[in-house]
Amino acid sequence: STNAESPPLQCMLTGHWVNDLGSNMIIVAVNRKGDFASSYHTVKTATTNKIHLSTLQGSQ
């Protein structure tokens, strides 16, 4: 529990992650409201098409 004087704790979302398959996610900045924009690049595909960078948006 938290008291009225201290804000709830938030996760530190900024960073660079690589999963077991080698796909990458990067979160550069989170604003004061907890909103963030980032990118995700997968290395796996079921086709021979070029893999494109995906943008992500979210909020904590």
Protein backbone atom coordinates (compact mmCIF):
# COMPACT_ATOMS: atom_id res chain seq x y z
CA SER A 1 0.00 0.00 0.00
CA THR A 2 1.04 3.61 -0.48
CA ASN A 3 0.20 6.67 1.56
CA ALA A 4 -1.36 9.84 0.15
CA GLU A 5 1.98 11.69 0.10
CA SER A 6 3.95 9.31 -2.12
CA PRO A 7 3.02 8.45 -5.73
CA PRO A 8 2.68 4.77 -6.69
CA LEU A 9 5.86 3.13 -7.95
CA GLN A 10 6.22 2.72 -11.71
CA CYS A 11 8.37 0.37 -13.75
CA MET A 12 11.46 1.68 -15.53
CA LEU A 13 10.47 0.86 -19.12
CA THR A 14 13.30 2.48 -21.04
CA GLY A 15 15.84 0.11 -22.50
CA HIS A 16 16.69 -2.41 -25.21
CA TRP A 17 15.44 -6.00 -25.05
CA VAL A 18 16.24 -9.01 -27.21
CA ASN A 19 14.10 -12.15 -26.94
CA ASP A 20 15.20 -15.78 -27.39
CA LEU A 21 14.58 -15.59 -31.15
CA GLY A 22 16.68 -12.45 -31.60
CA SER A 23 13.82 -9.96 -32.04
CA ASN A 24 14.49 -6.46 -30.62
CA MET A 25 12.36 -3.93 -28.74
CA ILE A 26 13.64 -0.46 -27.86
CA ILE A 27 11.90 2.06 -25.58
CA VAL A 28 13.76 5.36 -25.58
CA ALA A 29 11.65 7.64 -23.35
CA VAL A 30 8.55 7.64 -21.16
CA ASN A 31 6.81 10.98 -20.53
CA ARG A 32 5.41 12.25 -17.22
CA LYS A 33 2.00 10.72 -17.97
CA GLY A 34 3.60 7.30 -18.53
CA ASP A 35 3.10 7.31 -22.31
CA PHE A 36 5.84 5.92 -24.53
CA ALA A 37 6.64 5.28 -28.17
CA SER A 38 9.07 2.59 -29.21
CA SER A 39 10.05 0.20 -31.95
CA TYR A 40 9.98 -3.57 -32.40
CA HIS A 41 11.91 -5.51 -35.00
CA THR A 42 11.20 -9.21 -35.37
CA VAL A 43 13.73 -11.49 -37.00
CA LYS A 44 11.32 -14.36 -37.67
CA THR A 45 8.83 -14.54 -40.54
CA ALA A 46 6.68 -17.25 -42.10
CA THR A 47 7.30 -15.85 -45.59
CA THR A 48 10.23 -14.64 -47.66
CA ASN A 49 8.95 -11.04 -47.50
CA LYS A 50 11.22 -8.35 -46.04
CA ILE A 51 10.64 -7.78 -42.33
CA HIS A 52 9.77 -4.17 -41.49
CA LEU A 53 10.32 -2.28 -38.26
CA SER A 54 7.09 -1.93 -36.24
CA THR A 55 6.26 1.07 -34.08
CA LEU A 56 4.77 0.56 -30.63
CA GLN A 57 2.86 2.96 -28.43
CA GLY A 58 1.72 2.35 -24.89
CA SER A 59 1.20 3.67 -21.41
CA GLN A 60 2.10 2.41 -17.98
